[in-house]
């Protein structure tokens, strides 16, 4: 139960020296978290290069019982991302944020902002598998954010009874225990953002722009 989901040293080695993203580029977003006594994260992925960075991370401060994610800051971060980049899709795990996910879908289009429920074990396991394979293969790079790296390292593997097409056990990610202060929401948001990027590539969008 305590086996770490991702190779965090491999992840750290994939930090990019330079950011390849320019304003107006096509990106995807992943959103995950809870509003109370937990954390919420937004992770972006550059469709062309697979570069990821942390748009925002709001974490429950230790030692404070009554706490809520500053929803206005989250809403502003989403608005800023849609204003600065061409967001192809934003995959959102909706629990506790249903009204905001609906508002974003109304504001930016229900073809761009979609609910993506992380409690669906088989789809979640395949999304995590694809992300883990991308880390192993070096297909993903990132900004070296301490918060994202910490959440990647906090995620532990939980094996399922289901197996993939090669007969290997599928697995999902969890916190080390339900009441753990070591959060994984940014890791989950990164998986959702990567899944959206894979869907973008499968749809034939996000090809490198031709120089003028």
Protein backbone atom coordinates (compact mmCIF):
# COMPACT_ATOMS: atom_id res chain seq x y z
CA UNK A 1 0.00 0.00 0.00
CA UNK A 2 2.96 2.30 0.59
CA UNK A 3 4.58 1.74 -2.81
CA UNK A 4 5.14 5.09 -4.50
CA UNK A 5 3.20 5.49 -7.71
CA UNK A 6 5.78 7.43 -9.70
CA UNK A 7 9.56 7.48 -9.85
CA UNK A 8 10.10 10.93 -8.38
CA UNK A 9 13.83 10.97 -9.20
CA UNK A 10 13.00 10.29 -12.83
CA UNK A 11 10.41 13.06 -12.62
CA UNK A 12 12.93 15.54 -11.24
CA UNK A 13 15.31 14.70 -14.08
CA UNK A 14 12.65 15.78 -16.59
CA UNK A 15 12.63 19.41 -15.41
CA UNK A 16 13.22 21.66 -18.42
CA UNK A 17 15.84 24.41 -18.44
CA UNK A 18 13.63 26.68 -20.54
CA UNK A 19 9.88 27.07 -20.88
CA UNK A 20 8.79 26.30 -24.48
CA UNK A 21 5.34 27.87 -24.08
CA UNK A 22 4.33 31.20 -25.59
CA UNK A 23 1.10 33.08 -24.98
CA UNK A 24 -1.56 31.95 -27.43
CA UNK A 25 -0.20 28.40 -27.63
CA UNK A 26 -2.57 25.46 -27.35
CA UNK A 27 -2.69 23.86 -23.92
CA UNK A 28 -4.83 21.51 -21.88
CA UNK A 29 -5.77 21.86 -18.21
CA UNK A 30 -6.36 19.39 -15.42
CA UNK A 31 -8.29 20.36 -12.28
CA UNK A 32 -8.61 18.35 -9.08
CA UNK A 33 -9.24 19.00 -5.42
CA UNK A 34 -11.64 19.61 -2.59
CA UNK A 35 -12.76 22.95 -1.19
CA UNK A 36 -12.47 22.17 2.52
CA UNK A 37 -9.59 20.83 4.64
CA UNK A 38 -7.69 19.56 1.61
CA UNK A 39 -6.06 21.06 -1.46
CA UNK A 40 -6.92 22.04 -5.02
CA UNK A 41 -4.63 22.19 -8.04
CA UNK A 42 -4.64 23.23 -11.70
CA UNK A 43 -1.96 21.86 -14.03
CA UNK A 44 -1.40 22.88 -17.65
CA UNK A 45 0.17 20.85 -20.47
CA UNK A 46 1.59 22.32 -23.67
CA UNK A 47 0.03 20.22 -26.41
CA UNK A 48 2.95 20.44 -28.87
CA UNK A 49 5.81 19.62 -26.47
CA UNK A 50 4.24 17.85 -23.48
CA UNK A 51 5.65 20.46 -21.09
CA UNK A 52 3.67 20.77 -17.84
CA UNK A 53 3.48 23.53 -15.27
CA UNK A 54 1.50 24.39 -12.19
CA UNK A 55 -1.16 27.03 -12.81
CA UNK A 56 -2.19 27.10 -9.16
CA UNK A 57 -2.00 25.09 -5.94
CA UNK A 58 -4.01 25.86 -2.81
CA UNK A 59 -3.23 23.68 0.22
CA UNK A 60 -4.84 23.38 3.62
CA UNK A 61 -2.43 24.99 6.12
CA UNK A 62 -1.47 22.62 8.90
CA UNK A 63 -2.78 23.54 12.33
CA UNK A 64 -5.91 25.22 11.00
CA UNK A 65 -9.15 23.21 11.22
CA UNK A 66 -11.70 25.46 9.52
CA UNK A 67 -10.30 26.31 6.10
CA UNK A 68 -11.67 26.68 2.59
CA UNK A 69 -9.83 27.00 -0.71
CA UNK A 70 -10.03 30.68 -1.82
CA UNK A 71 -12.51 30.10 -4.60
CA UNK A 72 -12.08 33.58 -6.09
CA UNK A 73 -8.37 32.93 -6.58
CA UNK A 74 -9.13 29.62 -8.29
CA UNK A 75 -11.68 31.26 -10.57
CA UNK A 76 -9.21 34.03 -11.44
CA UNK A 77 -6.49 31.49 -12.23
CA UNK A 78 -8.83 29.67 -14.61
CA UNK A 79 -9.84 32.93 -16.26
CA UNK A 80 -6.20 33.94 -16.69
CA UNK A 81 -5.30 30.60 -18.30
CA UNK A 82 -8.16 30.87 -20.81
CA UNK A 83 -7.21 34.48 -21.56
CA UNK A 84 -3.50 33.81 -22.12
CA UNK A 85 -3.63 30.49 -23.98
CA UNK A 86 -5.75 28.53 -26.40
CA UNK A 87 -7.22 25.97 -24.04
CA UNK A 88 -8.32 22.94 -26.04
CA UNK A 89 -9.81 21.05 -23.09
CA UNK A 90 -10.02 21.38 -19.34
CA UNK A 91 -10.74 18.10 -17.56
CA UNK A 92 -12.21 18.67 -14.10
CA UNK A 93 -12.90 16.25 -11.27
CA UNK A 94 -16.18 17.88 -10.18
CA UNK A 95 -16.91 16.87 -6.53
CA UNK A 96 -17.20 19.97 -4.29
CA UNK A 97 -16.71 22.20 -7.35
CA UNK A 98 -19.82 21.32 -9.35
CA UNK A 99 -21.20 24.86 -9.56
CA UNK A 100 -17.86 26.30 -10.64
CA UNK A 101 -17.26 23.60 -13.24
CA UNK A 102 -20.70 24.39 -14.65
CA UNK A 103 -19.91 28.12 -14.64
CA UNK A 104 -16.64 27.52 -16.49
CA UNK A 105 -18.43 25.34 -19.03
CA UNK A 106 -20.97 28.11 -19.55
CA UNK A 107 -18.25 30.75 -19.80
CA UNK A 108 -15.75 28.95 -22.02
CA UNK A 109 -17.91 26.32 -23.71
CA UNK A 110 -19.09 22.87 -22.70
CA UNK A 111 -16.90 21.34 -25.42
CA UNK A 112 -13.81 22.78 -23.70
CA UNK A 113 -14.62 22.37 -20.00
CA UNK A 114 -15.61 18.79 -19.23
CA UNK A 115 -16.29 16.75 -16.12
CA UNK A 116 -13.79 13.91 -15.74
CA UNK A 117 -14.66 11.79 -12.72
CA UNK A 118 -11.54 10.33 -11.12
CA UNK A 119 -13.56 7.76 -9.14
CA UNK A 120 -14.09 5.69 -12.31
CA UNK A 121 -11.43 3.11 -11.61
CA UNK A 122 -10.74 1.64 -15.06
CA UNK A 123 -10.60 4.95 -17.02
CA UNK A 124 -8.54 6.46 -14.20
CA UNK A 125 -6.13 3.53 -14.19
CA UNK A 126 -5.55 3.78 -17.94
CA UNK A 127 -5.00 7.54 -17.70
CA UNK A 128 -2.47 7.02 -14.89
CA UNK A 129 -0.77 4.24 -16.86
CA UNK A 130 -0.37 6.54 -19.87
CA UNK A 131 1.05 9.29 -17.66
CA UNK A 132 3.48 6.95 -15.92
CA UNK A 133 4.64 5.60 -19.28
CA UNK A 134 5.23 9.19 -20.44
CA UNK A 135 7.40 9.85 -17.39
CA UNK A 136 9.39 6.66 -17.95
CA UNK A 137 9.84 7.45 -21.66
CA UNK A 138 10.71 11.09 -21.02
CA UNK A 139 7.80 12.35 -23.11
CA UNK A 140 6.74 14.80 -20.42
CA UNK A 141 8.80 17.74 -19.16
CA UNK A 142 7.95 20.30 -16.51
CA UNK A 143 8.83 23.57 -14.80
CA UNK A 144 10.43 22.02 -11.72
CA UNK A 145 7.69 23.33 -9.45
CA UNK A 146 8.28 22.22 -5.86
CA UNK A 147 4.55 21.83 -5.23
CA UNK A 148 3.91 19.63 -8.25
CA UNK A 149 7.01 17.54 -7.57
CA UNK A 150 5.97 17.08 -3.95
CA UNK A 151 2.51 15.85 -4.93
CA UNK A 152 3.98 13.52 -7.57
CA UNK A 153 6.21 12.06 -4.87
CA UNK A 154 3.36 11.76 -2.35
CA UNK A 155 1.15 9.58 -4.57
CA UNK A 156 1.04 5.90 -3.64
CA UNK A 157 -0.06 3.02 -5.81
CA UNK A 158 -3.26 1.11 -5.16
CA UNK A 159 -3.61 -2.02 -7.29
CA UNK A 160 -6.97 -3.03 -8.73
CA UNK A 161 -8.26 -6.49 -9.51
CA UNK A 162 -8.68 -5.47 -13.15
CA UNK A 163 -5.89 -6.14 -15.63
CA UNK A 164 -4.88 -4.47 -18.87
CA UNK A 165 -4.69 -6.09 -22.31
CA UNK A 166 -1.25 -7.53 -21.46
CA UNK A 167 -2.52 -9.12 -18.26
CA UNK A 168 -0.82 -6.57 -15.99
CA UNK A 169 -2.63 -5.35 -12.90
CA UNK A 170 -4.08 -1.87 -13.27
CA UNK A 171 -3.58 0.64 -10.46
CA UNK A 172 -4.73 4.05 -9.31
CA UNK A 173 -3.19 6.64 -7.00
CA UNK A 174 -4.08 7.54 -3.44
CA UNK A 175 -2.75 9.46 -0.50
CA UNK A 176 -0.76 7.27 1.89
CA UNK A 177 -3.79 7.40 4.22
CA UNK A 178 -7.07 9.33 4.11
CA UNK A 179 -6.06 11.82 6.82
CA UNK A 180 -2.51 12.31 5.51
CA UNK A 181 -1.25 15.90 5.25
CA UNK A 182 0.75 14.82 2.19
CA UNK A 183 -1.53 15.82 -0.66
CA UNK A 184 -1.66 14.44 -4.21
CA UNK A 185 -4.17 16.75 -5.93
CA UNK A 186 -1.54 18.32 -8.19
CA UNK A 187 -0.46 14.84 -9.29
CA UNK A 188 -4.05 13.99 -10.13
CA UNK A 189 -4.47 17.29 -11.99
CA UNK A 190 -1.31 16.51 -13.96
CA UNK A 191 -2.75 13.14 -14.97
CA UNK A 192 -5.99 14.77 -16.12
CA UNK A 193 -4.11 17.45 -18.04
CA UNK A 194 -1.98 14.78 -19.74
CA UNK A 195 -5.08 12.74 -20.60
CA UNK A 196 -6.58 15.83 -22.23
CA UNK A 197 -3.34 16.36 -24.16
CA UNK A 198 -3.44 12.75 -25.41
CA UNK A 199 -7.02 13.30 -26.56
CA UNK A 200 -5.93 16.48 -28.33
CA UNK A 201 -3.19 14.61 -30.21
CA UNK A 202 -5.62 11.82 -31.09
CA UNK A 203 -7.95 14.45 -32.56
CA UNK A 204 -5.16 15.78 -34.75
CA UNK A 205 -4.85 19.19 -33.09
CA UNK A 206 -1.85 20.91 -31.62
CA UNK A 207 0.62 20.39 -34.41
CA UNK A 208 3.68 22.64 -34.43
CA UNK A 209 2.85 25.97 -36.00
CA UNK A 210 4.62 26.81 -39.23
CA UNK A 211 7.02 29.73 -39.06
CA UNK A 212 5.91 32.79 -40.99
